[in-house]
C-alpha atoms as a PDB file:
ATOM      1  CA  MET A   1     -54.637-198.847-140.110  1.00  0.00           C
ATOM      2  CA  PHE A   2     -55.697-202.357-139.954  1.00  0.00           C
ATOM      3  CA  ALA A   3     -59.216-203.338-140.404  1.00  0.00           C
ATOM      4  CA  GLY A   4     -60.942-203.433-137.009  1.00  0.00           C
ATOM      5  CA  PHE A   5     -58.201-201.521-135.329  1.00  0.00           C
ATOM      6  CA  TYR A   6     -58.674-198.221-133.511  1.00  0.00           C
ATOM      7  CA  ASN A   7     -56.264-195.313-132.571  1.00  0.00           C
ATOM      8  CA  TYR A   8     -56.265-194.800-128.926  1.00  0.00           C
ATOM      9  CA  THR A   9     -54.494-192.100-126.788  1.00  0.00           C
ATOM     10  CA  VAL A  10     -53.189-192.963-123.385  1.00  0.00           C
ATOM     11  CA  PHE A  11     -52.564-190.187-120.922  1.00  0.00           C
ATOM     12  CA  VAL A  12     -50.526-190.841-117.834  1.00  0.00           C
ATOM     13  CA  GLN A  13     -50.535-188.223-115.004  1.00  0.00           C
ATOM     14  CA  THR A  14     -47.685-188.826-112.694  1.00  0.00           C
ATOM     15  CA  GLY A  15     -48.508-187.645-109.076  1.00  0.00           C
ATOM     16  CA  ASP A  16     -46.766-184.774-107.585  1.00  0.00           C
ATOM     17  CA  GLN A  17     -45.757-186.411-104.357  1.00  0.00           C
ATOM     18  CA  ILE A  18     -42.168-186.702-103.362  1.00  0.00           C
ATOM     19  CA  ASN A  19     -40.543-189.550-105.335  1.00  0.00           C
ATOM     20  CA  ALA A  20     -43.638-189.952-107.508  1.00  0.00           C
ATOM     21  CA  GLY A  21     -41.647-190.313-110.878  1.00  0.00           C
ATOM     22  CA  THR A  22     -40.237-193.395-112.198  1.00  0.00           C
ATOM     23  CA  ASP A  23     -37.718-194.821-114.674  1.00  0.00           C
ATOM     24  CA  ALA A  24     -39.274-198.276-114.614  1.00  0.00           C
ATOM     25  CA  ASN A  25     -40.831-199.835-117.628  1.00  0.00           C
ATOM     26  CA  VAL A  26     -44.584-198.717-117.734  1.00  0.00           C
ATOM     27  CA  TYR A  27     -47.105-200.651-119.929  1.00  0.00           C
ATOM     28  CA  VAL A  28     -50.733-201.213-120.443  1.00  0.00           C
ATOM     29  CA  ILE A  29     -52.795-204.198-121.531  1.00  0.00           C
ATOM     30  CA  LEU A  30     -55.872-203.492-123.620  1.00  0.00           C
ATOM     31  CA  HIS A  31     -58.734-206.238-123.413  1.00  0.00           C
ATOM     32  CA  GLY A  32     -61.065-206.230-126.371  1.00  0.00           C
ATOM     33  CA  GLU A  33     -64.806-206.704-126.344  1.00  0.00           C
ATOM     34  CA  ARG A  34     -64.557-210.463-127.003  1.00  0.00           C
ATOM     35  CA  GLY A  35     -62.262-211.034-124.038  1.00  0.00           C
ATOM     36  CA  GLN A  36     -58.846-211.045-125.950  1.00  0.00           C
ATOM     37  CA  ALA A  37     -56.001-209.395-124.364  1.00  0.00           C
ATOM     38  CA  SER A  38     -53.172-207.348-126.169  1.00  0.00           C
ATOM     39  CA  ASN A  39     -49.550-208.086-125.353  1.00  0.00           C
ATOM     40  CA  GLU A  40     -47.992-205.673-122.896  1.00  0.00           C
ATOM     41  CA  ILE A  41     -47.735-202.403-124.660  1.00  0.00           C
ATOM     42  CA  LYS A  42     -44.789-200.344-123.342  1.00  0.00           C
ATOM     43  CA  LEU A  43     -45.521-196.713-122.955  1.00  0.00           C
ATOM     44  CA  THR A  44     -42.356-194.934-124.170  1.00  0.00           C
ATOM     45  CA  THR A  45     -41.258-191.923-126.226  1.00  0.00           C
ATOM     46  CA  LEU A  46     -37.891-191.680-127.972  1.00  0.00           C
ATOM     47  CA  PHE A  47     -35.470-189.086-126.419  1.00  0.00           C
ATOM     48  CA  ARG A  48     -37.934-188.224-123.574  1.00  0.00           C
ATOM     49  CA  ASP A  49     -37.872-188.891-119.988  1.00  0.00           C
ATOM     50  CA  ASN A  50     -41.515-190.069-119.304  1.00  0.00           C
ATOM     51  CA  PHE A  51     -43.211-190.439-115.912  1.00  0.00           C
ATOM     52  CA  GLU A  52     -41.483-187.535-114.148  1.00  0.00           C
ATOM     53  CA  ARG A  53     -43.101-186.152-110.977  1.00  0.00           C
ATOM     54  CA  GLY A  54     -46.172-183.954-111.779  1.00  0.00           C
ATOM     55  CA  ARG A  55     -46.042-184.459-115.432  1.00  0.00           C
ATOM     56  CA  MET A  56     -48.744-185.578-118.084  1.00  0.00           C
ATOM     57  CA  ASP A  57     -47.364-187.962-120.733  1.00  0.00           C
ATOM     58  CA  ARG A  58     -49.355-189.012-123.832  1.00  0.00           C
ATOM     59  CA  PHE A  59     -48.861-192.090-125.915  1.00  0.00           C
ATOM     60  CA  LYS A  60     -50.674-193.317-129.172  1.00  0.00           C
ATOM     61  CA  VAL A  61     -51.536-197.044-129.420  1.00  0.00           C
ATOM     62  CA  LYS A  62     -53.707-199.210-131.846  1.00  0.00           C
ATOM     63  CA  TYR A  63     -56.014-201.946-130.852  1.00  0.00           C
ATOM     64  CA  GLN A  64     -59.297-203.617-131.543  1.00  0.00           C
ATOM     65  CA  PRO A  65     -62.306-202.199-129.681  1.00  0.00           C
ATOM     66  CA  VAL A  66     -61.416-202.115-125.999  1.00  0.00           C
ATOM     67  CA  SER A  67     -63.599-203.094-123.016  1.00  0.00           C
ATOM     68  CA  LYS A  68     -61.122-202.606-120.216  1.00  0.00           C
ATOM     69  CA  VAL A  69     -57.405-201.590-119.533  1.00  0.00           C
ATOM     70  CA  TYR A  70     -54.690-202.823-117.084  1.00  0.00           C
ATOM     71  CA  ALA A  71     -51.858-200.581-116.356  1.00  0.00           C
ATOM     72  CA  GLY A  72     -48.710-202.205-114.875  1.00  0.00           C
ATOM     73  CA  ASN A  73     -45.994-200.617-112.711  1.00  0.00           C
ATOM     74  CA  ILE A  74     -47.816-197.483-111.871  1.00  0.00           C
ATOM     75  CA  CYS A  75     -47.817-195.861-108.497  1.00  0.00           C
ATOM     76  CA  CYS A  76     -48.959-192.377-107.741  1.00  0.00           C
ATOM     77  CA  ALA A  77     -50.308-191.979-111.173  1.00  0.00           C
ATOM     78  CA  VAL A  78     -53.596-191.645-113.024  1.00  0.00           C
ATOM     79  CA  VAL A  79     -54.052-193.363-116.532  1.00  0.00           C
ATOM     80  CA  VAL A  80     -56.802-192.188-118.959  1.00  0.00           C
ATOM     81  CA  VAL A  81     -57.346-193.841-122.194  1.00  0.00           C
ATOM     82  CA  PHE A  82     -59.174-191.902-125.001  1.00  0.00           C
ATOM     83  CA  SER A  83     -60.550-192.963-128.327  1.00  0.00           C
ATOM     84  CA  MET A  84     -61.639-190.662-131.147  1.00  0.00           C
ATOM     85  CA  CYS A  85     -65.189-190.863-129.404  1.00  0.00           C
ATOM     86  CA  GLY A  86     -63.890-189.609-125.862  1.00  0.00           C
ATOM     87  CA  CYS A  87     -62.639-190.832-122.636  1.00  0.00           C
ATOM     88  CA  LEU A  88     -62.932-194.574-122.356  1.00  0.00           C
ATOM     89  CA  PHE A  89     -61.320-195.569-118.932  1.00  0.00           C
ATOM     90  CA  VAL A  90     -59.602-193.952-115.988  1.00  0.00           C
ATOM     91  CA  ILE A  91     -57.384-195.921-113.851  1.00  0.00           C
ATOM     92  CA  SER A  92     -56.038-194.384-110.478  1.00  0.00           C
ATOM     93  CA  SER A  93     -53.484-195.952-108.396  1.00  0.00           C
ATOM     94  CA  ARG A  94     -53.580-193.081-105.491  1.00  0.00           C
END
């Protein structure tokens, strides 16, 4: 791990409404404590169909200390970002 970078776990809970799943590219942008922003971090897992109706998906990312999160292309989902210390952010688009 690079100095000053932390491991985060991003959980995305896709809603269970009809047509709630997606095959679109879903990404997060993490914002550091000093105002810097990451590039778009695409949330994907090889050989897995992510973001299916009613399912929870988990992704590992590394970044500097985070102060806020932006999740793009989410609809009918809840995004939760955890650090080793616990829950940092919850984003809901419901």
